[in-house]
């Protein structure tokens, strides 16, 4: 299913798609991709921050074996990505801020955040998003950021680069034909970002959701995107495919 041009339609349409897509990803993770002892929930508050999908590790006294409960695979080798950014040094202050975020069902280990138009609508909105992401990483929570909107003048190289600049400024530029970004951030030592660039009309690759600093499960973005699209009302699909201009 080619990625649609969400920048040309009313933001309310993406909001509906966003909500349904989050649930589809949550369902896919819970159907067998996550190992026993891990679970995924949608839109839970965690230490004052509001992600789309969170992955929890249960509060058992002993760690469960990291084995999937269904047909999924927990991967221990680094994922292949177009760009890999690693922080060359971390301050003592950053290391000291590693406080685990807690939830009633367990510890939050990974967050998936789907970027919305409102996250780039103003300098303050983008700043709040970036600060939220960095706060999670400083607490040892891994991130998967899905940004299907082109860069604005507030994030000229995309949301992933805006987040990474708060960790360590490194040279990175989006190619002219791939302006959308998918980024998995590992809150280990050193912090690492695996970035894939895509464009309108491309298929979505699977992206890693890290459970710890070394192991992850692949999130089926393409499969869940397609599932969500087919569940959209026909008139909504037609409006998106026509690329109706946003309502001012």
Protein backbone atom coordinates (compact mmCIF):
# COMPACT_ATOMS: atom_id res chain seq x y z
CA UNK A 1 0.00 0.00 0.00
CA UNK A 2 1.78 3.21 -1.14
CA UNK A 3 2.04 5.98 1.45
CA UNK A 4 -0.55 8.67 0.83
CA UNK A 5 0.15 12.40 0.74
CA UNK A 6 -1.37 13.31 4.09
CA UNK A 7 -0.08 16.88 3.86
CA UNK A 8 -2.73 17.70 1.22
CA UNK A 9 -5.85 16.66 3.13
CA UNK A 10 -7.77 17.96 6.11
CA UNK A 11 -5.89 17.15 9.33
CA UNK A 12 -9.07 15.63 10.79
CA UNK A 13 -8.84 12.81 8.24
CA UNK A 14 -5.35 11.94 9.39
CA UNK A 15 -6.47 12.15 13.01
CA UNK A 16 -9.07 9.44 12.34
CA UNK A 17 -6.55 7.32 10.45
CA UNK A 18 -3.94 7.92 13.16
CA UNK A 19 -6.24 6.66 15.90
CA UNK A 20 -7.24 3.52 14.01
CA UNK A 21 -3.67 2.80 12.90
CA UNK A 22 -2.45 2.99 16.49
CA UNK A 23 -4.99 0.34 17.47
CA UNK A 24 -3.99 -1.87 14.53
CA UNK A 25 -0.34 -1.69 15.61
CA UNK A 26 -1.30 -2.41 19.22
CA UNK A 27 -3.31 -5.46 18.09
CA UNK A 28 -0.49 -6.78 15.89
CA UNK A 29 2.00 -6.53 18.75
CA UNK A 30 -0.32 -8.30 21.18
CA UNK A 31 -1.25 -11.07 18.72
CA UNK A 32 2.14 -12.69 19.07
CA UNK A 33 4.92 -10.30 18.11
CA UNK A 34 5.73 -9.41 21.71
CA UNK A 35 7.33 -11.98 24.03
CA UNK A 36 5.51 -13.34 27.04
CA UNK A 37 5.58 -10.78 29.84
CA UNK A 38 5.27 -7.83 27.46
CA UNK A 39 2.11 -6.05 26.34
CA UNK A 40 1.14 -3.07 24.19
CA UNK A 41 -1.47 -0.46 25.13
CA UNK A 42 -2.86 2.57 23.30
CA UNK A 43 -2.75 6.18 24.51
CA UNK A 44 -1.75 5.65 28.10
CA UNK A 45 -0.45 8.42 30.33
CA UNK A 46 3.09 7.71 31.51
CA UNK A 47 4.74 10.15 33.89
CA UNK A 48 2.79 13.06 32.45
CA UNK A 49 3.58 12.22 28.79
CA UNK A 50 1.05 10.86 26.29
CA UNK A 51 2.35 8.44 23.64
CA UNK A 52 0.31 6.58 20.98
CA UNK A 53 1.33 3.00 21.75
CA UNK A 54 3.40 1.86 24.73
CA UNK A 55 5.09 -1.49 25.28
CA UNK A 56 5.13 -2.68 28.88
CA UNK A 57 7.24 -5.24 30.67
CA UNK A 58 5.30 -6.98 33.44
CA UNK A 59 6.23 -6.57 37.10
CA UNK A 60 7.18 -10.23 37.59
CA UNK A 61 9.91 -11.05 40.10
CA UNK A 62 11.91 -12.89 37.46
CA UNK A 63 12.37 -11.87 33.86
CA UNK A 64 10.37 -14.02 31.43
CA UNK A 65 12.26 -15.62 28.54
CA UNK A 66 12.41 -13.24 25.59
CA UNK A 67 10.49 -15.49 23.25
CA UNK A 68 7.50 -14.47 21.13
CA UNK A 69 4.15 -16.00 22.04
CA UNK A 70 3.10 -16.34 18.40
CA UNK A 71 4.78 -16.18 15.03
CA UNK A 72 6.93 -13.17 15.79
CA UNK A 73 10.69 -13.04 16.12
CA UNK A 74 12.73 -11.22 18.75
CA UNK A 75 15.87 -10.01 17.00
CA UNK A 76 19.22 -9.55 18.69
CA UNK A 77 21.24 -8.32 15.70
CA UNK A 78 21.20 -4.61 14.79
CA UNK A 79 18.52 -3.72 12.21
CA UNK A 80 19.44 -2.66 8.72
CA UNK A 81 18.72 1.01 8.26
CA UNK A 82 19.64 3.65 5.71
CA UNK A 83 21.21 5.80 8.42
CA UNK A 84 22.58 4.86 11.84
CA UNK A 85 23.44 7.68 14.24
CA UNK A 86 25.30 7.01 17.49
CA UNK A 87 26.03 9.48 20.22
CA UNK A 88 29.79 9.69 20.63
CA UNK A 89 29.58 10.93 24.20
CA UNK A 90 26.98 11.36 26.90
CA UNK A 91 27.07 13.69 29.84
CA UNK A 92 26.97 12.46 33.40
CA UNK A 93 23.73 14.41 33.82
CA UNK A 94 22.08 12.43 31.03
CA UNK A 95 23.15 9.16 32.63
CA UNK A 96 21.89 10.28 36.03
CA UNK A 97 18.42 10.94 34.64
CA UNK A 98 17.80 7.27 33.84
CA UNK A 99 14.63 6.86 35.91
CA UNK A 100 12.33 4.08 34.72
CA UNK A 101 8.80 5.18 33.87
CA UNK A 102 6.27 3.03 35.70
CA UNK A 103 2.76 1.92 34.82
CA UNK A 104 0.23 -0.07 36.84
CA UNK A 105 0.84 -3.13 34.61
CA UNK A 106 4.60 -2.83 34.52
CA UNK A 107 7.54 -0.76 33.30
CA UNK A 108 7.29 1.11 30.01
CA UNK A 109 10.15 -0.06 27.80
CA UNK A 110 9.21 1.30 24.37
CA UNK A 111 6.93 3.94 22.90
CA UNK A 112 5.58 4.30 19.38
CA UNK A 113 4.63 7.85 18.40
CA UNK A 114 2.91 8.74 15.12
CA UNK A 115 3.57 12.39 14.25
CA UNK A 116 0.45 14.49 13.61
CA UNK A 117 0.14 17.81 11.73
CA UNK A 118 -0.36 19.59 15.04
CA UNK A 119 3.09 18.47 16.21
CA UNK A 120 4.60 20.74 13.53
CA UNK A 121 1.96 23.49 13.56
CA UNK A 122 4.03 25.90 15.66
CA UNK A 123 7.47 26.29 17.14
CA UNK A 124 6.12 25.56 20.61
CA UNK A 125 4.26 22.43 19.46
CA UNK A 126 7.34 21.00 17.79
CA UNK A 127 9.47 21.91 20.79
CA UNK A 128 7.05 20.12 23.12
CA UNK A 129 7.16 16.98 20.96
CA UNK A 130 10.96 16.95 20.83
CA UNK A 131 11.30 17.55 24.57
CA UNK A 132 8.84 14.75 25.26
CA UNK A 133 10.82 12.33 23.09
CA UNK A 134 14.14 13.25 24.69
CA UNK A 135 12.63 12.93 28.17
CA UNK A 136 11.63 9.36 27.41
CA UNK A 137 15.11 8.52 26.13
CA UNK A 138 16.72 10.03 29.21
CA UNK A 139 14.52 7.75 31.32
CA UNK A 140 15.74 4.69 29.43
CA UNK A 141 12.60 4.25 27.30
CA UNK A 142 13.14 3.33 23.65
CA UNK A 143 11.21 5.14 20.89
CA UNK A 144 9.80 4.46 17.45
CA UNK A 145 8.81 7.69 15.67
CA UNK A 146 6.69 7.52 12.49
CA UNK A 147 6.63 10.85 10.62
CA UNK A 148 4.56 10.79 7.41
CA UNK A 149 4.61 14.59 7.03
CA UNK A 150 7.31 16.49 5.12
CA UNK A 151 9.73 18.72 7.01
CA UNK A 152 8.65 22.22 7.91
CA UNK A 153 10.83 25.27 8.45
CA UNK A 154 10.85 24.21 12.14
CA UNK A 155 12.27 20.73 11.39
CA UNK A 156 14.05 21.19 8.03
CA UNK A 157 15.52 17.67 8.12
CA UNK A 158 12.52 15.97 9.70
CA UNK A 159 11.37 15.15 13.20
CA UNK A 160 13.99 12.43 13.74
CA UNK A 161 16.82 14.90 13.15
CA UNK A 162 15.15 17.48 15.41
CA UNK A 163 15.11 14.89 18.22
CA UNK A 164 18.66 13.71 17.56
CA UNK A 165 20.02 17.27 17.61
CA UNK A 166 19.03 17.41 21.29
CA UNK A 167 21.22 14.35 21.92
CA UNK A 168 24.15 15.16 19.68
CA UNK A 169 24.41 17.34 16.58
CA UNK A 170 25.62 15.28 13.63
CA UNK A 171 25.52 15.88 9.90
CA UNK A 172 22.43 14.40 8.27
CA UNK A 173 20.27 15.52 5.35
CA UNK A 174 17.12 14.06 3.84
CA UNK A 175 17.30 13.24 0.12
CA UNK A 176 15.02 15.43 -2.04
CA UNK A 177 12.75 12.51 -3.02
CA UNK A 178 12.49 10.90 0.46
CA UNK A 179 11.19 13.53 2.87
CA UNK A 180 9.34 11.33 5.36
CA UNK A 181 11.14 9.55 8.19
CA UNK A 182 10.81 6.48 10.37
CA UNK A 183 13.22 6.36 13.29
CA UNK A 184 13.92 3.85 16.05
CA UNK A 185 15.77 5.39 19.00
CA UNK A 186 17.62 3.09 21.40
CA UNK A 187 18.01 4.50 24.90
CA UNK A 188 21.21 2.58 25.58
CA UNK A 189 24.81 3.59 26.03
CA UNK A 190 25.50 5.09 23.61
CA UNK A 191 22.10 6.24 22.39
CA UNK A 192 21.49 5.15 18.80
CA UNK A 193 19.03 6.11 16.07
CA UNK A 194 18.11 3.87 13.14
CA UNK A 195 16.54 6.06 10.45
CA UNK A 196 14.71 5.06 7.28
CA UNK A 197 13.66 7.65 4.72
CA UNK A 198 10.53 7.14 2.63
CA UNK A 199 8.42 9.20 0.27
CA UNK A 200 4.82 9.48 -0.83
CA UNK A 201 4.02 6.40 -2.92
CA UNK A 202 6.58 4.18 -1.16
CA UNK A 203 5.81 1.07 0.85
CA UNK A 204 6.46 1.20 4.58
CA UNK A 205 9.27 -1.02 5.88
CA UNK A 206 9.05 -2.86 9.17
CA UNK A 207 10.72 -0.88 11.94
CA UNK A 208 12.22 -2.11 15.24
CA UNK A 209 10.54 -1.59 18.60
CA UNK A 210 13.29 -2.16 21.15
CA UNK A 211 12.57 -4.14 24.31
CA UNK A 212 16.04 -3.59 25.76
CA UNK A 213 19.29 -2.13 24.49
CA UNK A 214 20.01 -5.18 22.32
CA UNK A 215 16.74 -6.85 21.30
CA UNK A 216 13.71 -5.70 19.38
CA UNK A 217 10.60 -6.89 17.58
CA UNK A 218 9.83 -5.71 14.04
CA UNK A 219 6.67 -3.59 13.89
CA UNK A 220 4.63 -4.36 10.73
CA UNK A 221 3.95 -0.79 9.64
CA UNK A 222 2.98 -1.71 6.07
CA UNK A 223 0.60 -4.49 7.10
CA UNK A 224 -1.13 -2.36 9.73
CA UNK A 225 -1.27 0.70 7.45
CA UNK A 226 -2.99 -1.38 4.75
CA UNK A 227 -5.38 -2.90 7.30
CA UNK A 228 -6.29 0.57 8.56
CA UNK A 229 -6.77 1.95 5.05
CA UNK A 230 -9.19 -0.81 4.06
CA UNK A 231 -11.29 -0.06 7.15
CA UNK A 232 -11.68 3.63 6.24
CA UNK A 233 -15.03 4.78 4.83
CA UNK A 234 -15.09 4.87 1.05
CA UNK A 235 -15.74 8.62 0.86
CA UNK A 236 -12.77 9.23 3.17
CA UNK A 237 -10.48 7.10 0.98
CA UNK A 238 -11.66 8.96 -2.12
CA UNK A 239 -10.99 12.36 -0.51
CA UNK A 240 -7.47 11.32 0.47
CA UNK A 241 -6.69 9.87 -2.96
CA UNK A 242 -7.92 13.10 -4.60
CA UNK A 243 -5.55 15.03 -2.33
CA UNK A 244 -8.06 17.59 -1.22
CA UNK A 245 -6.44 20.71 0.14
CA UNK A 246 -6.49 21.21 3.92
CA UNK A 247 -9.43 23.18 5.26
CA UNK A 248 -8.20 26.54 6.58
